Amino acid sequence: MNEKAIAEKGSPKKPAAKKLKFEKGTGTVICIVLMIVMVAAALILFQNVIFNGAEALADGYNAAFVSEKEAAYQALYQKYYDKAEAEHRVANRASIYIGNIKETEKLEVLKVSDVEFIVEDSGDNSGNITSWLEVPGEGTYVIDLSAAEFIVDNERAHVSVRLPYPELTNVTIDYSNVKKILFKDDVFNGSYKQGEELAMKQLGQGDLLIKKEFASNEHFYLNAQETAISTIQCLIRELNPNVENLTIDVEFY
């Protein structure tokens, strides 16, 4: 009986072993669940990383695409704009016509005049004649256009002209307007020959003085240049009435 009783008393220890096995199985399940959760979380995180990276890549691609598209559009627009502008400019460009200007060897640009008073006293000649003459003279400044240079720029509606400096020519006495202010023959011999010789002498002196005055008169020379510039500009404009905003530069050499 005692052994049986002892055996019966010892039998309750078996459920404890089952509880331990149950606790071990529960821990394993929990570990598996945690691993699954961790794997799922890692997958979700990985997916988020991929998604964010893909989104950033897409944004970068879109930005680059938009930038390249805009640059291509601007380049294409500029290309056709330049082409249209060039065609418009050519279509509205008028050829500048110089004509036969260079065939004019001596273009008159300015006429000048002067008066000299020639005095001959009685003591200056053997005939004791006193003679005062008013001697008018005139001259003409000309430009040799055959030696001129014309540079025409049709696209810019511009003409550059190089001219030789004005030249004084045709200096003469205006004999029809010579005036005798005073003539006195102290001897009263009335010699026609002496009077004629004296007149020729005085006219010769007047001619020399007039040429000297014209040659040394800077005012005449500058006026001749200014007149030459305006004359050439007017000639070219008259030959090109349809050329808008035509500019003409003139210089001397």
Protein backbone atom coordinates (compact mmCIF):
# COMPACT_ATOMS: atom_id res chain seq x y z
CA MET A 1 0.00 0.00 0.00
CA ASN A 2 2.73 2.35 0.81
CA GLU A 3 4.38 1.80 -2.53
CA LYS A 4 1.12 2.33 -4.31
CA ALA A 5 0.43 5.37 -2.32
CA ILE A 6 3.84 6.63 -3.11
CA ALA A 7 3.25 5.86 -6.75
CA GLU A 8 -0.02 7.74 -6.64
CA LYS A 9 1.58 10.66 -4.91
CA GLY A 10 4.30 10.86 -7.57
CA SER A 11 1.98 10.70 -10.55
CA PRO A 12 0.92 14.43 -10.56
CA LYS A 13 4.41 15.44 -11.73
CA LYS A 14 3.59 14.48 -15.40
CA PRO A 15 1.32 17.51 -16.17
CA ALA A 16 4.21 19.81 -15.31
CA ALA A 17 6.21 18.28 -18.16
CA LYS A 18 3.36 18.96 -20.58
CA LYS A 19 3.20 22.58 -19.45
CA LEU A 20 6.91 22.97 -20.16
CA LYS A 21 6.45 21.55 -23.65
CA PHE A 22 3.53 23.89 -24.19
CA GLU A 23 5.62 26.88 -23.09
CA LYS A 24 8.40 25.86 -25.48
CA GLY A 25 5.98 25.60 -28.40
CA THR A 26 4.46 28.97 -27.61
CA GLY A 27 7.91 30.66 -27.67
CA THR A 28 8.67 29.14 -31.03
CA VAL A 29 5.44 30.41 -32.48
CA ILE A 30 6.08 33.85 -31.10
CA CYS A 31 9.57 33.88 -32.62
CA ILE A 32 8.19 32.85 -35.98
CA VAL A 33 5.52 35.51 -35.80
CA LEU A 34 8.10 38.13 -34.90
CA MET A 35 10.29 37.02 -37.75
CA ILE A 36 7.35 37.25 -40.14
CA VAL A 37 6.52 40.69 -38.81
CA MET A 38 10.12 41.80 -39.17
CA VAL A 39 10.35 40.41 -42.68
CA ALA A 40 7.07 42.13 -43.58
CA ALA A 41 8.30 45.37 -42.07
CA ALA A 42 11.56 45.04 -43.98
CA LEU A 43 9.64 44.39 -47.17
CA ILE A 44 7.43 47.38 -46.55
CA LEU A 45 10.46 49.56 -45.79
CA PHE A 46 12.23 48.24 -48.87
CA GLN A 47 9.17 48.96 -50.96
CA ASN A 48 9.02 52.49 -49.56
CA VAL A 49 12.68 53.04 -50.39
CA ILE A 50 12.15 51.76 -53.92
CA PHE A 51 9.02 53.87 -54.33
CA ASN A 52 10.69 57.00 -53.01
CA GLY A 53 13.74 56.40 -55.19
CA ALA A 54 11.58 55.76 -58.21
CA GLU A 55 9.56 58.89 -57.48
CA ALA A 56 12.72 60.97 -57.13
CA LEU A 57 14.09 59.45 -60.32
CA ALA A 58 10.83 60.22 -62.11
CA ASP A 59 10.86 63.79 -60.82
CA GLY A 60 14.44 64.23 -61.97
CA TYR A 61 13.62 62.74 -65.34
CA ASN A 62 10.57 64.96 -65.72
CA ALA A 63 12.58 68.04 -64.76
CA ALA A 64 15.32 67.14 -67.23
CA PHE A 65 12.72 66.41 -69.90
CA VAL A 66 10.98 69.75 -69.36
CA SER A 67 14.32 71.59 -69.41
CA GLU A 68 15.46 69.87 -72.59
CA LYS A 69 12.07 70.43 -74.17
CA GLU A 70 12.18 74.13 -73.35
CA ALA A 71 15.73 74.47 -74.68
CA ALA A 72 14.78 72.65 -77.89
CA TYR A 73 11.74 74.89 -78.31
CA GLN A 74 13.76 78.05 -77.78
CA ALA A 75 16.44 76.91 -80.24
CA LEU A 76 13.83 76.03 -82.86
CA TYR A 77 11.96 79.29 -82.28
CA GLN A 78 15.16 81.34 -82.63
CA LYS A 79 16.06 79.47 -85.80
CA TYR A 80 12.80 80.27 -87.55
CA TYR A 81 12.73 83.79 -86.13
CA ASP A 82 16.16 84.53 -87.58
CA LYS A 83 15.13 83.01 -90.89
CA ALA A 84 11.95 85.06 -91.07
CA GLU A 85 13.80 88.24 -90.10
CA ALA A 86 16.44 87.65 -92.77
CA GLU A 87 13.80 87.02 -95.43
CA HIS A 88 11.90 90.13 -94.38
CA ARG A 89 15.04 92.24 -94.42
CA VAL A 90 16.05 91.01 -97.85
CA ALA A 91 12.54 91.47 -99.22
CA ASN A 92 12.44 95.09 -98.09
CA ARG A 93 15.99 96.01 -99.02
CA ALA A 94 16.35 98.50 -101.88
CA SER A 95 19.46 98.67 -104.02
CA ILE A 96 21.24 102.00 -103.79
CA TYR A 97 21.87 103.55 -107.19
CA ILE A 98 24.87 105.77 -107.82
CA GLY A 99 24.20 106.33 -111.49
CA ASN A 100 26.74 108.18 -113.63
CA ILE A 101 27.98 110.47 -110.88
CA LYS A 102 31.58 109.40 -111.45
CA GLU A 103 31.37 110.51 -115.06
CA THR A 104 31.26 114.14 -113.90
CA GLU A 105 34.90 115.17 -113.82
CA LYS A 106 34.38 118.72 -112.63
CA LEU A 107 31.36 119.19 -110.39
CA GLU A 108 30.90 122.84 -109.48
CA VAL A 109 30.24 123.18 -105.77
CA LEU A 110 30.87 126.86 -104.99
CA LYS A 111 31.31 130.14 -106.84
CA VAL A 112 33.23 132.90 -105.09
CA SER A 113 33.85 136.54 -105.91
CA ASP A 114 36.07 139.38 -104.77
CA VAL A 115 36.75 143.02 -105.62
CA GLU A 116 40.15 144.67 -105.67
CA PHE A 117 40.81 148.42 -105.95
CA ILE A 118 43.87 149.25 -108.05
CA VAL A 119 45.31 152.73 -107.56
CA GLU A 120 47.87 154.28 -109.88
CA ASP A 121 49.12 157.74 -108.85
CA SER A 122 50.55 160.32 -111.22
CA GLY A 123 54.01 159.84 -109.79
CA ASP A 124 53.96 156.13 -110.60
CA ASN A 125 53.98 156.56 -114.37
CA SER A 126 55.66 158.72 -116.99
CA GLY A 127 52.39 160.19 -118.18
CA ASN A 128 51.49 161.66 -114.81
CA ILE A 129 48.18 159.83 -114.95
CA THR A 130 46.13 159.09 -111.87
CA SER A 131 43.80 156.12 -112.28
CA TRP A 132 41.68 154.24 -109.78
CA LEU A 133 39.96 151.05 -110.90
CA GLU A 134 37.44 148.76 -109.22
CA VAL A 135 38.26 145.26 -110.48
CA PRO A 136 35.81 142.45 -109.67
CA GLY A 137 36.87 138.82 -109.98
CA GLU A 138 35.27 135.40 -109.61
CA GLY A 139 36.30 131.79 -109.27
CA THR A 140 34.76 128.34 -109.00
CA TYR A 141 35.55 125.48 -106.63
CA VAL A 142 35.06 122.09 -108.27
CA ILE A 143 35.24 118.42 -107.26
CA ASP A 144 36.72 115.80 -109.56
CA LEU A 145 34.10 113.03 -109.21
CA SER A 146 35.98 110.73 -111.55
CA ALA A 147 38.48 110.30 -108.70
CA ALA A 148 35.78 109.80 -106.05
CA GLU A 149 35.20 106.49 -104.24
CA PHE A 150 31.74 105.14 -103.41
CA ILE A 151 31.20 102.25 -100.97
CA VAL A 152 27.58 101.06 -100.97
CA ASP A 153 26.03 98.93 -98.20
CA ASN A 154 22.54 97.97 -99.40
CA GLU A 155 21.69 95.99 -96.28
CA ARG A 156 22.27 98.93 -93.95
CA ALA A 157 21.18 101.59 -96.46
CA HIS A 158 24.51 103.34 -96.12
CA VAL A 159 26.88 105.00 -98.58
CA SER A 160 30.45 106.05 -97.80
CA VAL A 161 31.94 108.62 -100.17
CA ARG A 162 35.59 109.68 -100.41
CA LEU A 163 36.19 112.85 -102.39
CA PRO A 164 39.30 114.74 -103.45
CA TYR A 165 39.50 118.15 -101.84
CA PRO A 166 37.79 121.01 -103.70
CA GLU A 167 39.93 122.73 -106.30
CA LEU A 168 39.78 126.42 -107.20
CA THR A 169 39.46 126.93 -110.96
CA ASN A 170 38.39 129.52 -113.53
CA VAL A 171 39.65 132.53 -111.62
CA THR A 172 38.94 135.45 -113.92
CA ILE A 173 38.24 139.17 -113.93
CA ASP A 174 34.70 140.21 -114.64
CA TYR A 175 35.69 142.73 -117.32
CA SER A 176 32.13 143.75 -118.00
CA ASN A 177 31.86 145.16 -114.48
CA VAL A 178 35.25 146.89 -114.16
CA LYS A 179 34.65 150.47 -113.02
CA LYS A 180 36.85 153.50 -113.48
CA ILE A 181 36.56 155.42 -110.24
CA LEU A 182 39.06 158.13 -111.10
CA PHE A 183 41.08 158.98 -114.16
CA LYS A 184 43.16 162.17 -114.31
CA ASP A 185 45.66 163.19 -116.92
CA ASP A 186 47.79 165.97 -115.45
CA VAL A 187 49.51 166.63 -118.76
CA PHE A 188 46.26 166.68 -120.72
CA ASN A 189 47.92 165.22 -123.76
CA GLY A 190 45.07 162.72 -124.14
CA SER A 191 47.35 159.86 -125.19
CA TYR A 192 45.11 156.84 -125.89
CA LYS A 193 48.06 154.49 -125.98
CA GLN A 194 49.31 155.53 -122.54
CA GLY A 195 45.82 155.17 -121.09
CA GLU A 196 45.41 151.69 -122.60
CA GLU A 197 48.77 150.51 -121.34
CA LEU A 198 48.01 151.81 -117.86
CA ALA A 199 44.63 150.09 -117.83
CA MET A 200 46.19 146.74 -118.84
CA LYS A 201 48.79 147.18 -116.12
CA GLN A 202 46.13 147.82 -113.49
CA LEU A 203 43.98 144.88 -114.64
CA GLY A 204 47.01 142.59 -114.43
CA GLN A 205 47.63 143.75 -110.86
CA GLY A 206 43.98 143.17 -110.05
CA ASP A 207 44.12 139.63 -111.44
CA LEU A 208 47.11 138.76 -109.26
CA LEU A 209 45.52 140.23 -106.15
CA ILE A 210 42.23 138.37 -106.74
CA LYS A 211 43.97 135.00 -107.21
CA LYS A 212 46.02 135.61 -104.09
CA GLU A 213 42.88 136.44 -102.12
CA PHE A 214 41.04 133.33 -103.27
CA ALA A 215 44.01 131.07 -102.55
CA SER A 216 44.49 132.39 -99.02
CA ASN A 217 40.84 132.74 -98.03
CA GLU A 218 40.15 129.86 -95.64
CA HIS A 219 36.49 130.84 -95.37
CA PHE A 220 36.01 130.16 -99.10
CA TYR A 221 37.81 126.81 -98.82
CA LEU A 222 35.75 125.55 -95.87
CA ASN A 223 32.53 126.68 -97.51
CA ALA A 224 33.54 124.76 -100.63
CA GLN A 225 33.97 121.57 -98.57
CA GLU A 226 30.63 121.97 -96.81
CA THR A 227 28.86 122.66 -100.09
CA ALA A 228 30.53 119.65 -101.70
CA ILE A 229 29.26 117.37 -98.92
CA SER A 230 25.68 118.63 -99.13
CA THR A 231 25.74 118.51 -102.96
CA ILE A 232 26.87 114.88 -103.06
CA GLN A 233 24.35 113.86 -100.43
CA CYS A 234 21.54 115.55 -102.36
CA LEU A 235 22.60 113.88 -105.61
CA ILE A 236 22.58 110.41 -104.06
CA ARG A 237 19.25 110.97 -102.31
CA GLU A 238 17.66 112.20 -105.54
CA LEU A 239 18.83 109.03 -107.26
CA ASN A 240 17.38 106.86 -104.45
CA PRO A 241 14.03 108.34 -103.42
CA ASN A 242 12.65 104.94 -102.34
CA VAL A 243 15.46 104.00 -99.96
CA GLU A 244 14.30 104.64 -96.41
CA ASN A 245 16.67 105.91 -93.71
CA LEU A 246 19.47 106.34 -96.21
CA THR A 247 22.66 107.59 -94.55
CA ILE A 248 25.55 109.13 -96.48
CA ASP A 249 28.98 109.83 -95.03
CA VAL A 250 31.43 112.01 -96.96
CA GLU A 251 35.13 112.52 -96.29
CA PHE A 252 37.99 114.11 -98.21
CA TYR A 253 41.38 112.73 -99.07
